[in-house]
PDB file of N, CA and C in Angstrom:
ATOM      1  N   MET A   1       0.839  -1.165   0.000  1.00  0.00           N
ATOM      2  CA  MET A   1       0.000   0.000   0.000  1.00  0.00           C
ATOM      3  C   MET A   1       0.898   1.247   0.000  1.00  0.00           C
ATOM      4  N   ALA A   2       0.540   2.238  -0.775  1.00  0.00           N
ATOM      5  CA  ALA A   2       1.371   3.433  -0.952  1.00  0.00           C
ATOM      6  C   ALA A   2       1.628   4.174   0.353  1.00  0.00           C
ATOM      7  N   ILE A   3       0.640   4.267   1.216  1.00  0.00           N
ATOM      8  CA  ILE A   3       0.821   5.027   2.460  1.00  0.00           C
ATOM      9  C   ILE A   3       1.841   4.360   3.371  1.00  0.00           C
ATOM     10  N   HIS A   4       1.893   3.029   3.371  1.00  0.00           N
ATOM     11  CA  HIS A   4       2.853   2.322   4.219  1.00  0.00           C
ATOM     12  C   HIS A   4       4.290   2.550   3.764  1.00  0.00           C
ATOM     13  N   SER A   5       4.493   2.829   2.500  1.00  0.00           N
ATOM     14  CA  SER A   5       5.831   3.091   1.982  1.00  0.00           C
ATOM     15  C   SER A   5       6.329   4.479   2.364  1.00  0.00           C
ATOM     16  N   VAL A   6       5.415   5.364   2.752  1.00  0.00           N
ATOM     17  CA  VAL A   6       5.779   6.750   3.047  1.00  0.00           C
ATOM     18  C   VAL A   6       5.801   7.030   4.547  1.00  0.00           C
ATOM     19  N   ILE A   7       4.799   6.566   5.263  1.00  0.00           N
ATOM     20  CA  ILE A   7       4.668   6.858   6.689  1.00  0.00           C
ATOM     21  C   ILE A   7       5.100   5.623   7.483  1.00  0.00           C
ATOM     22  N   PRO A   8       6.133   5.752   8.324  1.00  0.00           N
ATOM     23  CA  PRO A   8       6.657   4.589   9.045  1.00  0.00           C
ATOM     24  C   PRO A   8       5.868   4.237  10.313  1.00  0.00           C
ATOM     25  N   GLU A   9       4.586   4.276  10.217  1.00  0.00           N
ATOM     26  CA  GLU A   9       3.707   3.952  11.337  1.00  0.00           C
ATOM     27  C   GLU A   9       2.547   3.162  10.765  1.00  0.00           C
ATOM     28  N   GLN A  10       2.172   2.094  11.395  1.00  0.00           N
ATOM     29  CA  GLN A  10       1.085   1.274  10.885  1.00  0.00           C
ATOM     30  C   GLN A  10      -0.257   1.815  11.385  1.00  0.00           C
ATOM     31  N   PRO A  11      -1.080   2.331  10.484  1.00  0.00           N
ATOM     32  CA  PRO A  11      -2.374   2.858  10.919  1.00  0.00           C
ATOM     33  C   PRO A  11      -3.422   1.761  11.031  1.00  0.00           C
ATOM     34  N   ALA A  12      -4.441   2.045  11.819  1.00  0.00           N
ATOM     35  CA  ALA A  12      -5.662   1.241  11.759  1.00  0.00           C
ATOM     36  C   ALA A  12      -6.436   1.780  10.564  1.00  0.00           C
ATOM     37  N   HIS A  13      -7.159   0.945   9.869  1.00  0.00           N
ATOM     38  CA  HIS A  13      -7.928   1.457   8.737  1.00  0.00           C
ATOM     39  C   HIS A  13      -9.249   0.735   8.593  1.00  0.00           C
ATOM     40  N   SER A  14     -10.167   1.452   7.985  1.00  0.00           N
ATOM     41  CA  SER A  14     -11.480   0.903   7.722  1.00  0.00           C
ATOM     42  C   SER A  14     -11.461   0.201   6.363  1.00  0.00           C
ATOM     43  N   SER A  15     -12.537  -0.436   6.040  1.00  0.00           N
ATOM     44  CA  SER A  15     -12.685  -0.982   4.689  1.00  0.00           C
ATOM     45  C   SER A  15     -13.018   0.172   3.747  1.00  0.00           C
ATOM     46  N   PRO A  16     -12.554   0.112   2.492  1.00  0.00           N
ATOM     47  CA  PRO A  16     -12.922   1.162   1.546  1.00  0.00           C
ATOM     48  C   PRO A  16     -14.443   1.245   1.394  1.00  0.00           C
ATOM     49  N   GLN A  17     -14.946   2.470   1.291  1.00  0.00           N
ATOM     50  CA  GLN A  17     -16.376   2.681   1.116  1.00  0.00           C
ATOM     51  C   GLN A  17     -16.626   3.493  -0.132  1.00  0.00           C
ATOM     52  N   GLU A  18     -17.612   3.086  -0.882  1.00  0.00           N
ATOM     53  CA  GLU A  18     -18.009   3.803  -2.086  1.00  0.00           C
ATOM     54  C   GLU A  18     -18.773   5.062  -1.705  1.00  0.00           C
ATOM     55  N   ILE A  19     -18.520   6.158  -2.417  1.00  0.00           N
ATOM     56  CA  ILE A  19     -19.297   7.378  -2.208  1.00  0.00           C
ATOM     57  C   ILE A  19     -19.835   7.847  -3.552  1.00  0.00           C
ATOM     58  N   HIS A  20     -20.948   8.519  -3.490  1.00  0.00           N
ATOM     59  CA  HIS A  20     -21.572   9.084  -4.691  1.00  0.00           C
ATOM     60  C   HIS A  20     -21.915  10.533  -4.383  1.00  0.00           C
ATOM     61  N   GLY A  21     -21.716  11.409  -5.345  1.00  0.00           N
ATOM     62  CA  GLY A  21     -22.057  12.806  -5.139  1.00  0.00           C
ATOM     63  C   GLY A  21     -20.976  13.558  -4.401  1.00  0.00           C
ATOM     64  N   SER A  22     -21.372  14.394  -3.435  1.00  0.00           N
ATOM     65  CA  SER A  22     -20.424  15.282  -2.769  1.00  0.00           C
ATOM     66  C   SER A  22     -19.912  14.686  -1.455  1.00  0.00           C
ATOM     67  N   PHE A  23     -18.771  15.215  -1.008  1.00  0.00           N
ATOM     68  CA  PHE A  23     -18.232  14.853   0.294  1.00  0.00           C
ATOM     69  C   PHE A  23     -17.443  16.031   0.831  1.00  0.00           C
ATOM     70  N   LEU A  24     -17.198  16.020   2.121  1.00  0.00           N
ATOM     71  CA  LEU A  24     -16.604  17.157   2.819  1.00  0.00           C
ATOM     72  C   LEU A  24     -15.147  16.882   3.180  1.00  0.00           C
ATOM     73  N   ILE A  25     -14.304  17.878   2.934  1.00  0.00           N
ATOM     74  CA  ILE A  25     -12.901  17.822   3.347  1.00  0.00           C
ATOM     75  C   ILE A  25     -12.643  19.063   4.194  1.00  0.00           C
ATOM     76  N   GLU A  26     -12.105  18.881   5.393  1.00  0.00           N
ATOM     77  CA  GLU A  26     -11.792  20.015   6.263  1.00  0.00           C
ATOM     78  C   GLU A  26     -10.429  20.612   5.928  1.00  0.00           C
ATOM     79  N   SER A  27      -9.419  19.770   5.817  1.00  0.00           N
ATOM     80  CA  SER A  27      -8.079  20.222   5.475  1.00  0.00           C
ATOM     81  C   SER A  27      -7.290  19.026   4.980  1.00  0.00           C
ATOM     82  N   GLY A  28      -6.208  19.281   4.275  1.00  0.00           N
ATOM     83  CA  GLY A  28      -5.378  18.208   3.742  1.00  0.00           C
ATOM     84  C   GLY A  28      -4.753  18.609   2.424  1.00  0.00           C
ATOM     85  N   VAL A  29      -4.617  17.630   1.535  1.00  0.00           N
ATOM     86  CA  VAL A  29      -3.967  17.870   0.250  1.00  0.00           C
ATOM     87  C   VAL A  29      -4.669  17.049  -0.837  1.00  0.00           C
ATOM     88  N   LEU A  30      -4.696  17.601  -2.034  1.00  0.00           N
ATOM     89  CA  LEU A  30      -5.299  16.963  -3.202  1.00  0.00           C
ATOM     90  C   LEU A  30      -4.218  16.809  -4.268  1.00  0.00           C
ATOM     91  N   VAL A  31      -4.101  15.608  -4.839  1.00  0.00           N
ATOM     92  CA  VAL A  31      -3.189  15.353  -5.952  1.00  0.00           C
ATOM     93  C   VAL A  31      -3.985  14.643  -7.033  1.00  0.00           C
ATOM     94  N   GLY A  32      -3.901  15.123  -8.259  1.00  0.00           N
ATOM     95  CA  GLY A  32      -4.608  14.505  -9.366  1.00  0.00           C
ATOM     96  C   GLY A  32      -3.728  13.517 -10.123  1.00  0.00           C
ATOM     97  N   PHE A  33      -4.370  12.594 -10.808  1.00  0.00           N
ATOM     98  CA  PHE A  33      -3.684  11.629 -11.662  1.00  0.00           C
ATOM     99  C   PHE A  33      -4.198  11.812 -13.080  1.00  0.00           C
ATOM    100  N   THR A  34      -3.279  11.772 -14.040  1.00  0.00           N
ATOM    101  CA  THR A  34      -3.633  11.844 -15.453  1.00  0.00           C
ATOM    102  C   THR A  34      -3.048  10.607 -16.137  1.00  0.00           C
ATOM    103  N   GLY A  35      -3.391  10.423 -17.386  1.00  0.00           N
ATOM    104  CA  GLY A  35      -2.868   9.277 -18.121  1.00  0.00           C
ATOM    105  C   GLY A  35      -3.944   8.227 -18.302  1.00  0.00           C
ATOM    106  N   ASP A  36      -3.565   6.959 -18.131  1.00  0.00           N
ATOM    107  CA  ASP A  36      -4.519   5.864 -18.313  1.00  0.00           C
ATOM    108  C   ASP A  36      -5.669   5.908 -17.318  1.00  0.00           C
ATOM    109  N   MET A  37      -5.423   6.467 -16.138  1.00  0.00           N
ATOM    110  CA  MET A  37      -6.465   6.631 -15.115  1.00  0.00           C
ATOM    111  C   MET A  37      -6.552   8.091 -14.742  1.00  0.00           C
ATOM    112  N   LYS A  38      -7.737   8.616 -14.757  1.00  0.00           N
ATOM    113  CA  LYS A  38      -7.947   9.993 -14.330  1.00  0.00           C
ATOM    114  C   LYS A  38      -8.668   9.930 -12.982  1.00  0.00           C
ATOM    115  N   LEU A  39      -7.958  10.360 -11.943  1.00  0.00           N
ATOM    116  CA  LEU A  39      -8.537  10.328 -10.607  1.00  0.00           C
ATOM    117  C   LEU A  39      -7.871  11.370  -9.744  1.00  0.00           C
ATOM    118  N   SER A  40      -8.457  11.573  -8.579  1.00  0.00           N
ATOM    119  CA  SER A  40      -7.895  12.506  -7.605  1.00  0.00           C
ATOM    120  C   SER A  40      -7.710  11.788  -6.283  1.00  0.00           C
ATOM    121  N   LEU A  41      -6.592  12.069  -5.648  1.00  0.00           N
ATOM    122  CA  LEU A  41      -6.290  11.515  -4.339  1.00  0.00           C
ATOM    123  C   LEU A  41      -6.434  12.646  -3.329  1.00  0.00           C
ATOM    124  N   PHE A  42      -7.339  12.480  -2.373  1.00  0.00           N
ATOM    125  CA  PHE A  42      -7.516  13.444  -1.293  1.00  0.00           C
ATOM    126  C   PHE A  42      -6.948  12.831  -0.025  1.00  0.00           C
ATOM    127  N   ILE A  43      -6.067  13.538   0.614  1.00  0.00           N
ATOM    128  CA  ILE A  43      -5.551  13.109   1.908  1.00  0.00           C
ATOM    129  C   ILE A  43      -6.063  14.132   2.911  1.00  0.00           C
ATOM    130  N   ASN A  44      -7.030  13.712   3.679  1.00  0.00           N
ATOM    131  CA  ASN A  44      -7.725  14.585   4.611  1.00  0.00           C
ATOM    132  C   ASN A  44      -7.133  14.389   6.004  1.00  0.00           C
ATOM    133  N   GLY A  45      -6.697  15.455   6.634  1.00  0.00           N
ATOM    134  CA  GLY A  45      -6.154  15.332   7.980  1.00  0.00           C
ATOM    135  C   GLY A  45      -5.923  16.686   8.612  1.00  0.00           C
ATOM    136  N   GLU A  46      -5.955  16.693   9.919  1.00  0.00           N
ATOM    137  CA  GLU A  46      -5.682  17.922  10.661  1.00  0.00           C
ATOM    138  C   GLU A  46      -4.186  18.218  10.633  1.00  0.00           C
ATOM    139  N   GLN A  47      -3.829  19.476  10.852  1.00  0.00           N
ATOM    140  CA  GLN A  47      -2.419  19.877  10.834  1.00  0.00           C
ATOM    141  C   GLN A  47      -1.595  19.093  11.843  1.00  0.00           C
ATOM    142  N   GLU A  48      -2.191  18.761  12.982  1.00  0.00           N
ATOM    143  CA  GLU A  48      -1.472  18.014  14.015  1.00  0.00           C
ATOM    144  C   GLU A  48      -1.033  16.643  13.495  1.00  0.00           C
ATOM    145  N   VAL A  49      -1.852  16.029  12.639  1.00  0.00           N
ATOM    146  CA  VAL A  49      -1.509  14.715  12.092  1.00  0.00           C
ATOM    147  C   VAL A  49      -0.321  14.838  11.147  1.00  0.00           C
ATOM    148  N   PHE A  50      -0.323  15.856  10.286  1.00  0.00           N
ATOM    149  CA  PHE A  50       0.800  16.037   9.369  1.00  0.00           C
ATOM    150  C   PHE A  50       2.071  16.410  10.133  1.00  0.00           C
ATOM    151  N   SER A  51       1.932  17.173  11.216  1.00  0.00           N
ATOM    152  CA  SER A  51       3.088  17.488  12.051  1.00  0.00           C
ATOM    153  C   SER A  51       3.631  16.210  12.702  1.00  0.00           C
ATOM    154  N   PHE A  52       2.732  15.313  13.108  1.00  0.00           N
ATOM    155  CA  PHE A  52       3.134  14.014  13.660  1.00  0.00           C
ATOM    156  C   PHE A  52       3.901  13.208  12.606  1.00  0.00           C
ATOM    157  N   PHE A  53       3.431  13.226  11.349  1.00  0.00           N
ATOM    158  CA  PHE A  53       4.148  12.532  10.271  1.00  0.00           C
ATOM    159  C   PHE A  53       5.566  13.084  10.134  1.00  0.00           C
ATOM    160  N   ALA A  54       5.705  14.416  10.210  1.00  0.00           N
ATOM    161  CA  ALA A  54       7.033  15.035  10.115  1.00  0.00           C
ATOM    162  C   ALA A  54       7.925  14.556  11.251  1.00  0.00           C
ATOM    163  N   GLU A  55       7.353  14.452  12.432  1.00  0.00           N
ATOM    164  CA  GLU A  55       8.133  13.982  13.582  1.00  0.00           C
ATOM    165  C   GLU A  55       8.568  12.529  13.373  1.00  0.00           C
ATOM    166  N   LEU A  56       7.676  11.699  12.825  1.00  0.00           N
ATOM    167  CA  LEU A  56       8.031  10.309  12.543  1.00  0.00           C
ATOM    168  C   LEU A  56       9.153  10.212  11.511  1.00  0.00           C
ATOM    169  N   LEU A  57       9.051  11.027  10.457  1.00  0.00           N
ATOM    170  CA  LEU A  57      10.002  10.947   9.353  1.00  0.00           C
ATOM    171  C   LEU A  57      11.314  11.673   9.626  1.00  0.00           C
ATOM    172  N   TYR A  58      11.250  12.816  10.304  1.00  0.00           N
ATOM    173  CA  TYR A  58      12.428  13.672  10.440  1.00  0.00           C
ATOM    174  C   TYR A  58      12.837  13.957  11.877  1.00  0.00           C
ATOM    175  N   GLY A  59      12.078  13.438  12.848  1.00  0.00           N
ATOM    176  CA  GLY A  59      12.443  13.622  14.235  1.00  0.00           C
ATOM    177  C   GLY A  59      12.074  14.968  14.825  1.00  0.00           C
ATOM    178  N   MET A  60      11.277  15.751  14.109  1.00  0.00           N
ATOM    179  CA  MET A  60      10.852  17.042  14.649  1.00  0.00           C
ATOM    180  C   MET A  60       9.477  17.402  14.101  1.00  0.00           C
ATOM    181  N   SER A  61       8.679  18.061  14.930  1.00  0.00           N
ATOM    182  CA  SER A  61       7.369  18.509  14.465  1.00  0.00           C
ATOM    183  C   SER A  61       7.551  19.834  13.716  1.00  0.00           C
ATOM    184  N   LEU A  62       6.603  20.132  12.852  1.00  0.00           N
ATOM    185  CA  LEU A  62       6.667  21.343  12.034  1.00  0.00           C
ATOM    186  C   LEU A  62       5.421  22.171  12.255  1.00  0.00           C
ATOM    187  N   ASP A  63       5.501  23.464  11.940  1.00  0.00           N
ATOM    188  CA  ASP A  63       4.328  24.325  11.935  1.00  0.00           C
ATOM    189  C   ASP A  63       4.516  25.414  10.884  1.00  0.00           C
ATOM    190  N   GLY A  64       3.495  26.214  10.676  1.00  0.00           N
ATOM    191  CA  GLY A  64       3.559  27.334   9.733  1.00  0.00           C
ATOM    192  C   GLY A  64       3.847  26.908   8.310  1.00  0.00           C
ATOM    193  N   ASP A  65       4.655  27.713   7.615  1.00  0.00           N
ATOM    194  CA  ASP A  65       4.963  27.461   6.205  1.00  0.00           C
ATOM    195  C   ASP A  65       5.672  26.129   5.978  1.00  0.00           C
ATOM    196  N   MET A  66       6.524  25.740   6.923  1.00  0.00           N
ATOM    197  CA  MET A  66       7.218  24.454   6.779  1.00  0.00           C
ATOM    198  C   MET A  66       6.222  23.295   6.828  1.00  0.00           C
ATOM    199  N   LEU A  67       5.215  23.393   7.681  1.00  0.00           N
ATOM    200  CA  LEU A  67       4.195  22.347   7.763  1.00  0.00           C
ATOM    201  C   LEU A  67       3.358  22.320   6.491  1.00  0.00           C
ATOM    202  N   HIS A  68       3.035  23.482   5.946  1.00  0.00           N
ATOM    203  CA  HIS A  68       2.270  23.531   4.695  1.00  0.00           C
ATOM    204  C   HIS A  68       3.048  22.861   3.561  1.00  0.00           C
ATOM    205  N   SER A  69       4.309  23.178   3.461  1.00  0.00           N
ATOM    206  CA  SER A  69       5.161  22.573   2.428  1.00  0.00           C
ATOM    207  C   SER A  69       5.266  21.065   2.632  1.00  0.00           C
ATOM    208  N   PHE A  70       5.440  20.644   3.868  1.00  0.00           N
ATOM    209  CA  PHE A  70       5.548  19.224   4.168  1.00  0.00           C
ATOM    210  C   PHE A  70       4.252  18.492   3.836  1.00  0.00           C
ATOM    211  N   THR A  71       3.100  19.091   4.157  1.00  0.00           N
ATOM    212  CA  THR A  71       1.803  18.475   3.869  1.00  0.00           C
ATOM    213  C   THR A  71       1.661  18.223   2.369  1.00  0.00           C
ATOM    214  N   ALA A  72       2.026  19.207   1.557  1.00  0.00           N
ATOM    215  CA  ALA A  72       1.979  19.029   0.106  1.00  0.00           C
ATOM    216  C   ALA A  72       2.940  17.924  -0.332  1.00  0.00           C
ATOM    217  N   GLU A  73       4.102  17.865   0.292  1.00  0.00           N
ATOM    218  CA  GLU A  73       5.090  16.846  -0.068  1.00  0.00           C
ATOM    219  C   GLU A  73       4.620  15.442   0.317  1.00  0.00           C
ATOM    220  N   VAL A  74       3.922  15.313   1.428  1.00  0.00           N
ATOM    221  CA  VAL A  74       3.347  14.011   1.792  1.00  0.00           C
ATOM    222  C   VAL A  74       2.387  13.554   0.692  1.00  0.00           C
ATOM    223  N   GLY A  75       1.563  14.479   0.193  1.00  0.00           N
ATOM    224  CA  GLY A  75       0.669  14.154  -0.922  1.00  0.00           C
ATOM    225  C   GLY A  75       1.441  13.686  -2.136  1.00  0.00           C
ATOM    226  N   ASN A  76       2.530  14.397  -2.456  1.00  0.00           N
ATOM    227  CA  ASN A  76       3.386  14.006  -3.590  1.00  0.00           C
ATOM    228  C   ASN A  76       3.977  12.614  -3.390  1.00  0.00           C
ATOM    229  N   MET A  77       4.481  12.346  -2.185  1.00  0.00           N
ATOM    230  CA  MET A  77       5.129  11.060  -1.929  1.00  0.00           C
ATOM    231  C   MET A  77       4.141   9.898  -2.040  1.00  0.00           C
ATOM    232  N   ILE A  78       2.965  10.056  -1.450  1.00  0.00           N
ATOM    233  CA  ILE A  78       1.973   8.978  -1.500  1.00  0.00           C
ATOM    234  C   ILE A  78       1.455   8.794  -2.926  1.00  0.00           C
ATOM    235  N   ALA A  79       1.151   9.900  -3.611  1.00  0.00           N
ATOM    236  CA  ALA A  79       0.660   9.803  -4.990  1.00  0.00           C
ATOM    237  C   ALA A  79       1.734   9.239  -5.917  1.00  0.00           C
ATOM    238  N   GLY A  80       2.976   9.662  -5.745  1.00  0.00           N
ATOM    239  CA  GLY A  80       4.067   9.143  -6.577  1.00  0.00           C
ATOM    240  C   GLY A  80       4.274   7.657  -6.363  1.00  0.00           C
ATOM    241  N   ASN A  81       4.174   7.217  -5.115  1.00  0.00           N
ATOM    242  CA  ASN A  81       4.314   5.795  -4.808  1.00  0.00           C
ATOM    243  C   ASN A  81       3.157   5.004  -5.421  1.00  0.00           C
ATOM    244  N   LEU A  82       1.954   5.542  -5.339  1.00  0.00           N
ATOM    245  CA  LEU A  82       0.796   4.894  -5.953  1.00  0.00           C
ATOM    246  C   LEU A  82       0.952   4.816  -7.468  1.00  0.00           C
ATOM    247  N   SER A  83       1.430   5.890  -8.080  1.00  0.00           N
ATOM    248  CA  SER A  83       1.665   5.906  -9.526  1.00  0.00           C
ATOM    249  C   SER A  83       2.693   4.850  -9.934  1.00  0.00           C
ATOM    250  N   THR A  84       3.746   4.703  -9.142  1.00  0.00           N
ATOM    251  CA  THR A  84       4.759   3.670  -9.402  1.00  0.00           C
ATOM    252  C   THR A  84       4.151   2.276  -9.315  1.00  0.00           C
ATOM    253  N   ASN A  85       3.307   2.044  -8.305  1.00  0.00           N
ATOM    254  CA  ASN A  85       2.648   0.744  -8.167  1.00  0.00           C
ATOM    255  C   ASN A  85       1.685   0.476  -9.324  1.00  0.00           C
ATOM    256  N   LEU A  86       0.988   1.504  -9.794  1.00  0.00           N
ATOM    257  CA  LEU A  86       0.101   1.334 -10.950  1.00  0.00           C
ATOM    258  C   LEU A  86       0.903   0.977 -12.205  1.00  0.00           C
ATOM    259  N   ALA A  87       2.087   1.557 -12.354  1.00  0.00           N
ATOM    260  CA  ALA A  87       2.938   1.265 -13.511  1.00  0.00           C
ATOM    261  C   ALA A  87       3.344  -0.208 -13.537  1.00  0.00           C
ATOM    262  N   LYS A  88       3.504  -0.805 -12.367  1.00  0.00           N
ATOM    263  CA  LYS A  88       3.827  -2.230 -12.297  1.00  0.00           C
ATOM    264  C   LYS A  88       2.691  -3.089 -12.839  1.00  0.00           C
ATOM    265  N   CYS A  89       1.492  -2.511 -12.903  1.00  0.00           N
ATOM    266  CA  CYS A  89       0.318  -3.199 -13.466  1.00  0.00           C
ATOM    267  C   CYS A  89       0.032  -2.715 -14.882  1.00  0.00           C
ATOM    268  N   SER A  90       1.021  -2.072 -15.511  1.00  0.00           N
ATOM    269  CA  SER A  90       0.922  -1.533 -16.877  1.00  0.00           C
ATOM    270  C   SER A  90      -0.121  -0.419 -17.002  1.00  0.00           C
ATOM    271  N   ILE A  91      -0.357   0.314 -15.917  1.00  0.00           N
ATOM    272  CA  ILE A  91      -1.241   1.483 -15.943  1.00  0.00           C
ATOM    273  C   ILE A  91      -0.348   2.705 -15.829  1.00  0.00           C
ATOM    274  N   LYS A  92      -0.294   3.481 -16.905  1.00  0.00           N
ATOM    275  CA  LYS A  92       0.590   4.651 -16.939  1.00  0.00           C
ATOM    276  C   LYS A  92      -0.146   5.881 -16.433  1.00  0.00           C
ATOM    277  N   THR A  93       0.448   6.532 -15.424  1.00  0.00           N
ATOM    278  CA  THR A  93      -0.141   7.745 -14.868  1.00  0.00           C
ATOM    279  C   THR A  93       0.956   8.765 -14.589  1.00  0.00           C
ATOM    280  N   ASP A  94       0.558   9.999 -14.530  1.00  0.00           N
ATOM    281  CA  ASP A  94       1.381  11.096 -14.032  1.00  0.00           C
ATOM    282  C   ASP A  94       0.583  11.760 -12.927  1.00  0.00           C
ATOM    283  N   ILE A  95       1.273  12.442 -12.024  1.00  0.00           N
ATOM    284  CA  ILE A  95       0.569  13.153 -10.961  1.00  0.00           C
ATOM    285  C   ILE A  95       0.680  14.653 -11.178  1.00  0.00           C
ATOM    286  N   THR A  96      -0.334  15.364 -10.701  1.00  0.00           N
ATOM    287  CA  THR A  96      -0.345  16.817 -10.804  1.00  0.00           C
ATOM    288  C   THR A  96       0.339  17.417  -9.573  1.00  0.00           C
ATOM    289  N   ALA A  97       0.568  18.691  -9.617  1.00  0.00           N
ATOM    290  CA  ALA A  97       1.101  19.395  -8.442  1.00  0.00           C
ATOM    291  C   ALA A  97       0.058  19.323  -7.329  1.00  0.00           C
ATOM    292  N   PRO A  98       0.503  19.188  -6.091  1.00  0.00           N
ATOM    293  CA  PRO A  98      -0.459  19.099  -4.986  1.00  0.00           C
ATOM    294  C   PRO A  98      -1.151  20.435  -4.735  1.00  0.00           C
ATOM    295  N   ILE A  99      -2.390  20.347  -4.281  1.00  0.00           N
ATOM    296  CA  ILE A  99      -3.160  21.533  -3.888  1.00  0.00           C
ATOM    297  C   ILE A  99      -3.440  21.401  -2.403  1.00  0.00           C
ATOM    298  N   LEU A 100      -2.968  22.350  -1.623  1.00  0.00           N
ATOM    299  CA  LEU A 100      -3.162  22.344  -0.178  1.00  0.00           C
ATOM    300  C   LEU A 100      -4.570  22.837   0.139  1.00  0.00           C
ATOM    301  N   LEU A 101      -5.289  22.075   0.927  1.00  0.00           N
ATOM    302  CA  LEU A 101      -6.640  22.445   1.355  1.00  0.00           C
ATOM    303  C   LEU A 101      -6.556  22.763   2.840  1.00  0.00           C
ATOM    304  N   GLU A 102      -6.799  24.023   3.194  1.00  0.00           N
ATOM    305  CA  GLU A 102      -6.683  24.409   4.602  1.00  0.00           C
ATOM    306  C   GLU A 102      -7.587  25.572   4.925  1.00  0.00           C
ATOM    307  N   GLY A 103      -7.804  25.757   6.196  1.00  0.00           N
ATOM    308  CA  GLY A 103      -8.517  26.939   6.664  1.00  0.00           C
ATOM    309  C   GLY A 103     -10.004  26.956   6.401  1.00  0.00           C
ATOM    310  N   GLY A 104     -10.610  25.831   6.183  1.00  0.00           N
ATOM    311  CA  GLY A 104     -12.045  25.832   5.958  1.00  0.00           C
ATOM    312  C   GLY A 104     -12.540  24.479   5.504  1.00  0.00           C
ATOM    313  N   SER A 105     -13.764  24.459   5.084  1.00  0.00           N
ATOM    314  CA  SER A 105     -14.376  23.228   4.620  1.00  0.00           C
ATOM    315  C   SER A 105     -14.531  23.288   3.110  1.00  0.00           C
ATOM    316  N   TYR A 106     -14.239  22.179   2.469  1.00  0.00           N
ATOM    317  CA  TYR A 106     -14.357  22.070   1.036  1.00  0.00           C
ATOM    318  C   TYR A 106     -15.352  20.962   0.734  1.00  0.00           C
ATOM    319  N   ILE A 107     -16.404  21.291   0.033  1.00  0.00           N
ATOM    320  CA  ILE A 107     -17.375  20.274  -0.352  1.00  0.00           C
ATOM    321  C   ILE A 107     -17.078  19.923  -1.804  1.00  0.00           C
ATOM    322  N   MET A 108     -16.636  18.711  -2.014  1.00  0.00           N
ATOM    323  CA  MET A 108     -16.271  18.252  -3.341  1.00  0.00           C
ATOM    324  C   MET A 108     -17.546  17.765  -4.031  1.00  0.00           C
ATOM    325  N   THR A 109     -17.964  18.453  -5.090  1.00  0.00           N
ATOM    326  CA  THR A 109     -19.264  18.157  -5.705  1.00  0.00           C
ATOM    327  C   THR A 109     -19.179  17.637  -7.124  1.00  0.00           C
ATOM    328  N   ASP A 110     -18.004  17.636  -7.734  1.00  0.00           N
ATOM    329  CA  ASP A 110     -17.892  17.248  -9.139  1.00  0.00           C
ATOM    330  C   ASP A 110     -17.668  15.752  -9.325  1.00  0.00           C
ATOM    331  N   TRP A 111     -18.052  14.959  -8.351  1.00  0.00           N
ATOM    332  CA  TRP A 111     -17.764  13.535  -8.383  1.00  0.00           C
ATOM    333  C   TRP A 111     -19.040  12.753  -8.575  1.00  0.00           C
ATOM    334  N   THR A 112     -19.015  11.790  -9.467  1.00  0.00           N
ATOM    335  CA  THR A 112     -20.152  10.898  -9.618  1.00  0.00           C
ATOM    336  C   THR A 112     -19.936   9.628  -8.815  1.00  0.00           C
ATOM    337  N   TRP A 113     -18.670   9.299  -8.543  1.00  0.00           N
ATOM    338  CA  TRP A 113     -18.349   8.077  -7.827  1.00  0.00           C
ATOM    339  C   TRP A 113     -16.958   8.203  -7.240  1.00  0.00           C
ATOM    340  N   GLY A 114     -16.730   7.591  -6.115  1.00  0.00           N
ATOM    341  CA  GLY A 114     -15.405   7.601  -5.512  1.00  0.00           C
ATOM    342  C   GLY A 114     -15.298   6.557  -4.420  1.00  0.00           C
ATOM    343  N   ILE A 115     -14.111   6.452  -3.870  1.00  0.00           N
ATOM    344  CA  ILE A 115     -13.857   5.533  -2.771  1.00  0.00           C
ATOM    345  C   ILE A 115     -13.201   6.315  -1.646  1.00  0.00           C
ATOM    346  N   VAL A 116     -13.690   6.113  -0.440  1.00  0.00           N
ATOM    347  CA  VAL A 116     -13.089   6.700   0.758  1.00  0.00           C
ATOM    348  C   VAL A 116     -12.510   5.559   1.571  1.00  0.00           C
ATOM    349  N   TRP A 117     -11.244   5.724   1.950  1.00  0.00           N
ATOM    350  CA  TRP A 117     -10.581   4.727   2.776  1.00  0.00           C
ATOM    351  C   TRP A 117      -9.940   5.471   3.924  1.00  0.00           C
ATOM    352  N   SER A 118     -10.430   5.265   5.117  1.00  0.00           N
ATOM    353  CA  SER A 118      -9.963   6.012   6.284  1.00  0.00           C
ATOM    354  C   SER A 118      -8.833   5.280   6.999  1.00  0.00           C
ATOM    355  N   PHE A 119      -7.824   6.054   7.384  1.00  0.00           N
ATOM    356  CA  PHE A 119      -6.691   5.548   8.151  1.00  0.00           C
ATOM    357  C   PHE A 119      -6.618   6.346   9.443  1.00  0.00           C
ATOM    358  N   VAL A 120      -6.354   5.672  10.537  1.00  0.00           N
ATOM    359  CA  VAL A 120      -6.253   6.333  11.835  1.00  0.00           C
ATOM    360  C   VAL A 120      -4.866   6.074  12.399  1.00  0.00           C
ATOM    361  N   PHE A 121      -4.166   7.167  12.692  1.00  0.00           N
ATOM    362  CA  PHE A 121      -2.839   7.099  13.293  1.00  0.00           C
ATOM    363  C   PHE A 121      -2.939   7.529  14.736  1.00  0.00           C
ATOM    364  N   GLN A 122      -2.282   6.830  15.611  1.00  0.00           N
ATOM    365  CA  GLN A 122      -2.239   7.193  17.022  1.00  0.00           C
ATOM    366  C   GLN A 122      -1.140   8.230  17.214  1.00  0.00           C
ATOM    367  N   THR A 123      -1.528   9.490  17.270  1.00  0.00           N
ATOM    368  CA  THR A 123      -0.554  10.562  17.473  1.00  0.00           C
ATOM    369  C   THR A 123      -0.325  10.765  18.961  1.00  0.00           C
ATOM    370  N   ARG A 124       0.724  11.475  19.275  1.00  0.00           N
ATOM    371  CA  ARG A 124       1.020  11.803  20.670  1.00  0.00           C
ATOM    372  C   ARG A 124       0.572  13.219  20.990  1.00  0.00           C
ATOM    373  N   VAL A 125      -0.324  13.751  20.184  1.00  0.00           N
ATOM    374  CA  VAL A 125      -0.798  15.134  20.371  1.00  0.00           C
ATOM    375  C   VAL A 125      -1.877  15.167  21.415  1.00  0.00           C
TER     376      VAL A 125
END
C-alpha cells in the first residue's frame, strides 16, 4: 500500500467505502492523476496529524509554512508511490502538483463516484 511506503507507522484502517455525489474535506492535500487513469487523491487530515508525520520521518514537528510545504510533499510522496505501483500493473499515470486544502471546509461536488478509505494514526498530540 502506498501510504505504508511513506509513513513509518502502521495505521488502523477501515474498509474502503463507495461514495456518490459530494463529500466534505476540512483540510489536507489533493493530488490529481492523469494518463490511463484519471482520478484525484484526497488526503484529509488535521495539521497536528501532518506534524506528527514530520516527527516520525524527520524527528521534529513542524508548523507554519514548513508544515504547509511538508503536507503538500506528503501528498506528492503517497501519490508518486501509488503511480509507481500502478505502472507495475501496466497502468501509466502522471501526478499533478499538490493543492493544499486548509482553513475551511471544502465540499467536493464534481464527483459521480469515488472511494473513501480512512486511516487512523495514534498521534502523541
